[in-house]
Amino acid sequence: MLTATPLHPRLLPAGLLAFAVVLSACEPSVRVEAPRDPITINLNVRLDADVRVRLEESAREDIQSNPDIF
Protein backbone atom coordinates (compact mmCIF):
# COMPACT_ATOMS: atom_id res chain seq x y z
CA MET A 1 0.00 0.00 0.00
CA LEU A 2 1.20 3.52 -0.83
CA THR A 3 1.49 6.07 1.93
CA ALA A 4 1.77 9.81 1.47
CA THR A 5 4.80 11.39 3.00
CA PRO A 6 4.05 14.53 5.01
CA LEU A 7 5.48 17.77 3.68
CA HIS A 8 8.05 19.63 5.63
CA PRO A 9 6.31 22.52 7.48
CA ARG A 10 8.61 25.09 5.87
CA LEU A 11 7.95 23.86 2.32
CA LEU A 12 4.24 24.63 2.34
CA PRO A 13 4.54 28.44 2.74
CA ALA A 14 7.40 28.52 0.23
CA GLY A 15 5.34 26.49 -2.24
CA LEU A 16 2.32 28.75 -1.79
CA LEU A 17 4.49 31.82 -2.30
CA ALA A 18 5.99 30.35 -5.48
CA PHE A 19 2.50 29.48 -6.74
CA ALA A 20 1.28 33.04 -6.05
CA VAL A 21 4.26 34.54 -7.92
CA VAL A 22 3.66 32.30 -10.95
CA LEU A 23 -0.07 33.03 -10.89
CA SER A 24 0.43 36.80 -10.68
CA ALA A 25 2.92 36.71 -13.56
CA CYS A 26 0.25 35.19 -15.80
CA GLU A 27 -2.38 37.80 -14.95
CA PRO A 28 -3.63 39.56 -18.11
CA SER A 29 -3.64 43.34 -18.23
CA VAL A 30 -6.59 45.32 -19.55
CA ARG A 31 -6.26 48.90 -20.77
CA VAL A 32 -9.11 51.30 -21.37
CA GLU A 33 -8.13 54.10 -23.71
CA ALA A 34 -10.06 56.70 -25.63
CA PRO A 35 -9.93 56.32 -29.43
CA ARG A 36 -7.56 58.62 -31.29
CA ASP A 37 -10.01 59.29 -34.14
CA PRO A 38 -13.39 60.84 -33.43
CA ILE A 39 -16.41 58.56 -33.50
CA THR A 40 -18.72 59.35 -36.42
CA ILE A 41 -22.30 58.16 -36.74
CA ASN A 42 -23.72 58.09 -40.24
CA LEU A 43 -27.44 58.95 -40.24
CA ASN A 44 -27.89 59.11 -44.02
CA VAL A 45 -29.69 55.74 -44.08
CA ARG A 46 -32.66 57.02 -42.11
CA LEU A 47 -32.89 60.19 -44.21
CA ASP A 48 -32.72 58.14 -47.43
CA ALA A 49 -35.55 55.88 -46.26
CA ASP A 50 -37.69 58.90 -45.33
CA VAL A 51 -37.14 60.49 -48.77
CA ARG A 52 -38.06 57.24 -50.54
CA VAL A 53 -41.31 56.92 -48.60
CA ARG A 54 -42.25 60.49 -49.45
CA LEU A 55 -41.46 59.92 -53.14
CA GLU A 56 -43.52 56.71 -53.20
CA GLU A 57 -46.49 58.51 -51.63
CA SER A 58 -46.15 61.35 -54.11
CA ALA A 59 -45.89 58.94 -57.03
CA ARG A 60 -48.93 56.98 -55.82
CA GLU A 61 -50.97 60.20 -55.59
CA ASP A 62 -49.85 61.30 -59.07
CA ILE A 63 -50.79 57.93 -60.58
CA GLN A 64 -54.20 57.98 -58.88
CA SER A 65 -54.92 61.51 -60.06
CA ASN A 66 -53.68 60.75 -63.64
CA PRO A 67 -54.50 57.10 -64.46
CA ASP A 68 -53.51 57.57 -68.15
CA ILE A 69 -49.96 58.67 -67.29
CA PHE A 70 -48.51 55.26 -68.29
PDB file of N, CA and C in Angstrom:
ATOM      1  N   MET A   1       0.828  -1.164   0.000  1.00  0.00           N
ATOM      2  CA  MET A   1       0.000   0.000   0.000  1.00  0.00           C
ATOM      3  C   MET A   1       0.886   1.246   0.000  1.00  0.00           C
ATOM      4  N   LEU A   2       0.441   2.284  -0.749  1.00  0.00           N
ATOM      5  CA  LEU A   2       1.199   3.524  -0.828  1.00  0.00           C
ATOM      6  C   LEU A   2       0.804   4.454   0.306  1.00  0.00           C
ATOM      7  N   THR A   3       1.771   5.090   0.882  1.00  0.00           N
ATOM      8  CA  THR A   3       1.486   6.069   1.929  1.00  0.00           C
ATOM      9  C   THR A   3       2.047   7.409   1.513  1.00  0.00           C
ATOM     10  N   ALA A   4       1.321   8.458   1.817  1.00  0.00           N
ATOM     11  CA  ALA A   4       1.771   9.805   1.474  1.00  0.00           C
ATOM     12  C   ALA A   4       2.756  10.273   2.526  1.00  0.00           C
ATOM     13  N   THR A   5       3.821  10.854   2.059  1.00  0.00           N
ATOM     14  CA  THR A   5       4.798  11.390   3.002  1.00  0.00           C
ATOM     15  C   THR A   5       4.388  12.803   3.364  1.00  0.00           C
ATOM     16  N   PRO A   6       4.437  13.167   4.621  1.00  0.00           N
ATOM     17  CA  PRO A   6       4.046  14.530   5.011  1.00  0.00           C
ATOM     18  C   PRO A   6       5.082  15.543   4.519  1.00  0.00           C
ATOM     19  N   LEU A   7       4.599  16.697   4.143  1.00  0.00           N
ATOM     20  CA  LEU A   7       5.482  17.768   3.677  1.00  0.00           C
ATOM     21  C   LEU A   7       6.171  18.420   4.857  1.00  0.00           C
ATOM     22  N   HIS A   8       7.318  18.901   4.586  1.00  0.00           N
ATOM     23  CA  HIS A   8       8.046  19.631   5.630  1.00  0.00           C
ATOM     24  C   HIS A   8       7.282  20.918   5.914  1.00  0.00           C
ATOM     25  N   PRO A   9       7.122  21.329   7.159  1.00  0.00           N
ATOM     26  CA  PRO A   9       6.309  22.521   7.483  1.00  0.00           C
ATOM     27  C   PRO A   9       6.816  23.795   6.830  1.00  0.00           C
ATOM     28  N   ARG A  10       8.082  23.874   6.496  1.00  0.00           N
ATOM     29  CA  ARG A  10       8.609  25.092   5.866  1.00  0.00           C
ATOM     30  C   ARG A  10       8.401  25.089   4.359  1.00  0.00           C
ATOM     31  N   LEU A  11       8.145  23.932   3.776  1.00  0.00           N
ATOM     32  CA  LEU A  11       7.952  23.864   2.324  1.00  0.00           C
ATOM     33  C   LEU A  11       6.582  24.361   1.894  1.00  0.00           C
ATOM     34  N   LEU A  12       5.593  24.207   2.710  1.00  0.00           N
ATOM     35  CA  LEU A  12       4.241  24.625   2.342  1.00  0.00           C
ATOM     36  C   LEU A  12       4.147  26.140   2.114  1.00  0.00           C
ATOM     37  N   PRO A  13       4.604  26.998   3.017  1.00  0.00           N
ATOM     38  CA  PRO A  13       4.537  28.444   2.742  1.00  0.00           C
ATOM     39  C   PRO A  13       5.390  28.835   1.536  1.00  0.00           C
ATOM     40  N   ALA A  14       6.543  28.205   1.368  1.00  0.00           N
ATOM     41  CA  ALA A  14       7.396  28.525   0.226  1.00  0.00           C
ATOM     42  C   ALA A  14       6.719  28.103  -1.074  1.00  0.00           C
ATOM     43  N   GLY A  15       6.060  26.956  -1.051  1.00  0.00           N
ATOM     44  CA  GLY A  15       5.338  26.490  -2.237  1.00  0.00           C
ATOM     45  C   GLY A  15       4.174  27.393  -2.578  1.00  0.00           C
ATOM     46  N   LEU A  16       3.434  27.828  -1.558  1.00  0.00           N
ATOM     47  CA  LEU A  16       2.318  28.751  -1.793  1.00  0.00           C
ATOM     48  C   LEU A  16       2.804  30.092  -2.323  1.00  0.00           C
ATOM     49  N   LEU A  17       3.919  30.558  -1.819  1.00  0.00           N
ATOM     50  CA  LEU A  17       4.491  31.820  -2.298  1.00  0.00           C
ATOM     51  C   LEU A  17       4.922  31.685  -3.758  1.00  0.00           C
ATOM     52  N   ALA A  18       5.564  30.576  -4.090  1.00  0.00           N
ATOM     53  CA  ALA A  18       5.990  30.353  -5.482  1.00  0.00           C
ATOM     54  C   ALA A  18       4.770  30.260  -6.394  1.00  0.00           C
ATOM     55  N   PHE A  19       3.727  29.591  -5.950  1.00  0.00           N
ATOM     56  CA  PHE A  19       2.503  29.480  -6.740  1.00  0.00           C
ATOM     57  C   PHE A  19       1.869  30.854  -6.959  1.00  0.00           C
ATOM     58  N   ALA A  20       1.855  31.698  -5.936  1.00  0.00           N
ATOM     59  CA  ALA A  20       1.284  33.044  -6.052  1.00  0.00           C
ATOM     60  C   ALA A  20       2.084  33.900  -7.025  1.00  0.00           C
ATOM     61  N   VAL A  21       3.405  33.761  -7.002  1.00  0.00           N
ATOM     62  CA  VAL A  21       4.255  34.537  -7.923  1.00  0.00           C
ATOM     63  C   VAL A  21       3.996  34.097  -9.357  1.00  0.00           C
ATOM     64  N   VAL A  22       3.918  32.807  -9.594  1.00  0.00           N
ATOM     65  CA  VAL A  22       3.657  32.295 -10.950  1.00  0.00           C
ATOM     66  C   VAL A  22       2.273  32.722 -11.405  1.00  0.00           C
ATOM     67  N   LEU A  23       1.292  32.646 -10.533  1.00  0.00           N
ATOM     68  CA  LEU A  23      -0.069  33.026 -10.893  1.00  0.00           C
ATOM     69  C   LEU A  23      -0.179  34.518 -11.198  1.00  0.00           C
ATOM     70  N   SER A  24       0.502  35.353 -10.435  1.00  0.00           N
ATOM     71  CA  SER A  24       0.425  36.795 -10.681  1.00  0.00           C
ATOM     72  C   SER A  24       1.191  37.180 -11.940  1.00  0.00           C
ATOM     73  N   ALA A  25       2.181  36.406 -12.332  1.00  0.00           N
ATOM     74  CA  ALA A  25       2.922  36.705 -13.560  1.00  0.00           C
ATOM     75  C   ALA A  25       2.067  36.426 -14.786  1.00  0.00           C
ATOM     76  N   CYS A  26       1.099  35.551 -14.669  1.00  0.00           N
ATOM     77  CA  CYS A  26       0.246  35.191 -15.803  1.00  0.00           C
ATOM     78  C   CYS A  26      -1.035  36.017 -15.858  1.00  0.00           C
ATOM     79  N   GLU A  27      -1.170  36.994 -14.999  1.00  0.00           N
ATOM     80  CA  GLU A  27      -2.382  37.804 -14.951  1.00  0.00           C
ATOM     81  C   GLU A  27      -2.440  38.721 -16.172  1.00  0.00           C
ATOM     82  N   PRO A  28      -3.538  38.686 -16.941  1.00  0.00           N
ATOM     83  CA  PRO A  28      -3.630  39.564 -18.111  1.00  0.00           C
ATOM     84  C   PRO A  28      -3.864  41.012 -17.690  1.00  0.00           C
ATOM     85  N   SER A  29      -3.415  41.925 -18.515  1.00  0.00           N
ATOM     86  CA  SER A  29      -3.643  43.340 -18.227  1.00  0.00           C
ATOM     87  C   SER A  29      -4.670  43.883 -19.221  1.00  0.00           C
ATOM     88  N   VAL A  30      -5.541  44.731 -18.735  1.00  0.00           N
ATOM     89  CA  VAL A  30      -6.591  45.325 -19.554  1.00  0.00           C
ATOM     90  C   VAL A  30      -6.412  46.828 -19.516  1.00  0.00           C
ATOM     91  N   ARG A  31      -6.408  47.436 -20.689  1.00  0.00           N
ATOM     92  CA  ARG A  31      -6.265  48.896 -20.773  1.00  0.00           C
ATOM     93  C   ARG A  31      -7.516  49.487 -21.398  1.00  0.00           C
ATOM     94  N   VAL A  32      -7.976  50.571 -20.821  1.00  0.00           N
ATOM     95  CA  VAL A  32      -9.112  51.299 -21.366  1.00  0.00           C
ATOM     96  C   VAL A  32      -8.583  52.645 -21.822  1.00  0.00           C
ATOM     97  N   GLU A  33      -8.642  52.850 -23.138  1.00  0.00           N
ATOM     98  CA  GLU A  33      -8.130  54.098 -23.710  1.00  0.00           C
ATOM     99  C   GLU A  33      -9.190  54.710 -24.616  1.00  0.00           C
ATOM    100  N   ALA A  34      -9.166  56.008 -24.708  1.00  0.00           N
ATOM    101  CA  ALA A  34     -10.059  56.703 -25.632  1.00  0.00           C
ATOM    102  C   ALA A  34      -9.520  56.540 -27.048  1.00  0.00           C
ATOM    103  N   PRO A  35     -10.403  56.453 -28.046  1.00  0.00           N
ATOM    104  CA  PRO A  35      -9.929  56.324 -29.425  1.00  0.00           C
ATOM    105  C   PRO A  35      -9.238  57.604 -29.882  1.00  0.00           C
ATOM    106  N   ARG A  36      -8.285  57.452 -30.770  1.00  0.00           N
ATOM    107  CA  ARG A  36      -7.564  58.623 -31.293  1.00  0.00           C
ATOM    108  C   ARG A  36      -8.395  59.379 -32.317  1.00  0.00           C
ATOM    109  N   ASP A  37      -9.150  58.656 -33.140  1.00  0.00           N
ATOM    110  CA  ASP A  37     -10.007  59.287 -34.140  1.00  0.00           C
ATOM    111  C   ASP A  37     -11.380  59.533 -33.537  1.00  0.00           C
ATOM    112  N   PRO A  38     -12.045  60.600 -33.960  1.00  0.00           N
ATOM    113  CA  PRO A  38     -13.386  60.843 -33.426  1.00  0.00           C
ATOM    114  C   PRO A  38     -14.370  59.791 -33.929  1.00  0.00           C
ATOM    115  N   ILE A  39     -15.372  59.516 -33.127  1.00  0.00           N
ATOM    116  CA  ILE A  39     -16.410  58.555 -33.504  1.00  0.00           C
ATOM    117  C   ILE A  39     -17.439  59.289 -34.356  1.00  0.00           C
ATOM    118  N   THR A  40     -17.725  58.745 -35.533  1.00  0.00           N
ATOM    119  CA  THR A  40     -18.724  59.346 -36.416  1.00  0.00           C
ATOM    120  C   THR A  40     -19.897  58.388 -36.559  1.00  0.00           C
ATOM    121  N   ILE A  41     -21.081  58.945 -36.569  1.00  0.00           N
ATOM    122  CA  ILE A  41     -22.297  58.157 -36.740  1.00  0.00           C
ATOM    123  C   ILE A  41     -22.964  58.645 -38.022  1.00  0.00           C
ATOM    124  N   ASN A  42     -23.147  57.744 -38.956  1.00  0.00           N
ATOM    125  CA  ASN A  42     -23.724  58.091 -40.244  1.00  0.00           C
ATOM    126  C   ASN A  42     -25.237  57.904 -40.178  1.00  0.00           C
ATOM    127  N   LEU A  43     -25.981  59.000 -40.318  1.00  0.00           N
ATOM    128  CA  LEU A  43     -27.437  58.950 -40.239  1.00  0.00           C
ATOM    129  C   LEU A  43     -28.094  59.094 -41.605  1.00  0.00           C
ATOM    130  N   ASN A  44     -27.332  58.947 -42.679  1.00  0.00           N
ATOM    131  CA  ASN A  44     -27.892  59.105 -44.022  1.00  0.00           C
ATOM    132  C   ASN A  44     -28.876  58.006 -44.379  1.00  0.00           C
ATOM    133  N   VAL A  45     -28.789  56.848 -43.768  1.00  0.00           N
ATOM    134  CA  VAL A  45     -29.687  55.740 -44.083  1.00  0.00           C
ATOM    135  C   VAL A  45     -31.117  56.095 -43.714  1.00  0.00           C
ATOM    136  N   ARG A  46     -31.319  56.648 -42.551  1.00  0.00           N
ATOM    137  CA  ARG A  46     -32.656  57.023 -42.108  1.00  0.00           C
ATOM    138  C   ARG A  46     -33.228  58.121 -42.998  1.00  0.00           C
ATOM    139  N   LEU A  47     -32.438  59.099 -43.346  1.00  0.00           N
ATOM    140  CA  LEU A  47     -32.888  60.185 -44.210  1.00  0.00           C
ATOM    141  C   LEU A  47     -33.258  59.648 -45.582  1.00  0.00           C
ATOM    142  N   ASP A  48     -32.458  58.720 -46.112  1.00  0.00           N
ATOM    143  CA  ASP A  48     -32.717  58.137 -47.427  1.00  0.00           C
ATOM    144  C   ASP A  48     -34.040  57.373 -47.411  1.00  0.00           C
ATOM    145  N   ALA A  49     -34.300  56.630 -46.354  1.00  0.00           N
ATOM    146  CA  ALA A  49     -35.547  55.882 -46.258  1.00  0.00           C
ATOM    147  C   ALA A  49     -36.738  56.830 -46.179  1.00  0.00           C
ATOM    148  N   ASP A  50     -36.611  57.930 -45.456  1.00  0.00           N
ATOM    149  CA  ASP A  50     -37.692  58.898 -45.332  1.00  0.00           C
ATOM    150  C   ASP A  50     -37.980  59.543 -46.686  1.00  0.00           C
ATOM    151  N   VAL A  51     -36.952  59.873 -47.444  1.00  0.00           N
ATOM    152  CA  VAL A  51     -37.139  60.486 -48.766  1.00  0.00           C
ATOM    153  C   VAL A  51     -37.812  59.503 -49.710  1.00  0.00           C
ATOM    154  N   ARG A  52     -37.439  58.240 -49.668  1.00  0.00           N
ATOM    155  CA  ARG A  52     -38.059  57.240 -50.544  1.00  0.00           C
ATOM    156  C   ARG A  52     -39.540  57.071 -50.234  1.00  0.00           C
ATOM    157  N   VAL A  53     -39.903  57.066 -48.976  1.00  0.00           N
ATOM    158  CA  VAL A  53     -41.312  56.923 -48.598  1.00  0.00           C
ATOM    159  C   VAL A  53     -42.106  58.113 -49.106  1.00  0.00           C
ATOM    160  N   ARG A  54     -41.550  59.298 -48.967  1.00  0.00           N
ATOM    161  CA  ARG A  54     -42.251  60.488 -49.450  1.00  0.00           C
ATOM    162  C   ARG A  54     -42.406  60.457 -50.970  1.00  0.00           C
ATOM    163  N   LEU A  55     -41.373  60.007 -51.683  1.00  0.00           N
ATOM    164  CA  LEU A  55     -41.463  59.920 -53.138  1.00  0.00           C
ATOM    165  C   LEU A  55     -42.480  58.871 -53.566  1.00  0.00           C
ATOM    166  N   GLU A  56     -42.536  57.736 -52.860  1.00  0.00           N
ATOM    167  CA  GLU A  56     -43.516  56.714 -53.199  1.00  0.00           C
ATOM    168  C   GLU A  56     -44.931  57.225 -52.974  1.00  0.00           C
ATOM    169  N   GLU A  57     -45.155  57.946 -51.881  1.00  0.00           N
ATOM    170  CA  GLU A  57     -46.488  58.506 -51.628  1.00  0.00           C
ATOM    171  C   GLU A  57     -46.850  59.522 -52.696  1.00  0.00           C
ATOM    172  N   SER A  58     -45.894  60.351 -53.070  1.00  0.00           N
ATOM    173  CA  SER A  58     -46.151  61.351 -54.109  1.00  0.00           C
ATOM    174  C   SER A  58     -46.440  60.682 -55.449  1.00  0.00           C
ATOM    175  N   ALA A  59     -45.676  59.646 -55.768  1.00  0.00           N
ATOM    176  CA  ALA A  59     -45.895  58.943 -57.035  1.00  0.00           C
ATOM    177  C   ALA A  59     -47.252  58.245 -57.031  1.00  0.00           C
ATOM    178  N   ARG A  60     -47.627  57.649 -55.914  1.00  0.00           N
ATOM    179  CA  ARG A  60     -48.931  56.977 -55.823  1.00  0.00           C
ATOM    180  C   ARG A  60     -50.063  57.986 -56.021  1.00  0.00           C
ATOM    181  N   GLU A  61     -49.941  59.160 -55.419  1.00  0.00           N
ATOM    182  CA  GLU A  61     -50.971  60.198 -55.585  1.00  0.00           C
ATOM    183  C   GLU A  61     -51.039  60.685 -57.028  1.00  0.00           C
ATOM    184  N   ASP A  62     -49.870  60.845 -57.668  1.00  0.00           N
ATOM    185  CA  ASP A  62     -49.853  61.297 -59.071  1.00  0.00           C
ATOM    186  C   ASP A  62     -50.483  60.249 -59.982  1.00  0.00           C
ATOM    187  N   ILE A  63     -50.218  58.982 -59.731  1.00  0.00           N
ATOM    188  CA  ILE A  63     -50.793  57.928 -60.576  1.00  0.00           C
ATOM    189  C   ILE A  63     -52.301  57.848 -60.372  1.00  0.00           C
ATOM    190  N   GLN A  64     -52.776  58.017 -59.134  1.00  0.00           N
ATOM    191  CA  GLN A  64     -54.203  57.976 -58.881  1.00  0.00           C
ATOM    192  C   GLN A  64     -54.918  59.157 -59.502  1.00  0.00           C
ATOM    193  N   SER A  65     -54.267  60.324 -59.472  1.00  0.00           N
ATOM    194  CA  SER A  65     -54.916  61.509 -60.065  1.00  0.00           C
ATOM    195  C   SER A  65     -54.829  61.500 -61.588  1.00  0.00           C
ATOM    196  N   ASN A  66     -53.839  60.836 -62.183  1.00  0.00           N
ATOM    197  CA  ASN A  66     -53.675  60.752 -63.643  1.00  0.00           C
ATOM    198  C   ASN A  66     -53.525  59.275 -64.035  1.00  0.00           C
ATOM    199  N   PRO A  67     -54.615  58.535 -64.154  1.00  0.00           N
ATOM    200  CA  PRO A  67     -54.497  57.101 -64.464  1.00  0.00           C
ATOM    201  C   PRO A  67     -53.937  56.842 -65.869  1.00  0.00           C
ATOM    202  N   ASP A  68     -53.987  57.775 -66.763  1.00  0.00           N
ATOM    203  CA  ASP A  68     -53.509  57.566 -68.147  1.00  0.00           C
ATOM    204  C   ASP A  68     -52.047  57.980 -68.307  1.00  0.00           C
ATOM    205  N   ILE A  69     -51.358  58.189 -67.212  1.00  0.00           N
ATOM    206  CA  ILE A  69     -49.957  58.669 -67.293  1.00  0.00           C
ATOM    207  C   ILE A  69     -49.042  57.596 -67.919  1.00  0.00           C
ATOM    208  N   PHE A  70     -49.360  56.323 -67.722  1.00  0.00           N
ATOM    209  CA  PHE A  70     -48.506  55.259 -68.288  1.00  0.00           C
ATOM    210  C   PHE A  70     -49.194  54.598 -69.422  1.00  0.00           C
TER     211      PHE A  70
END
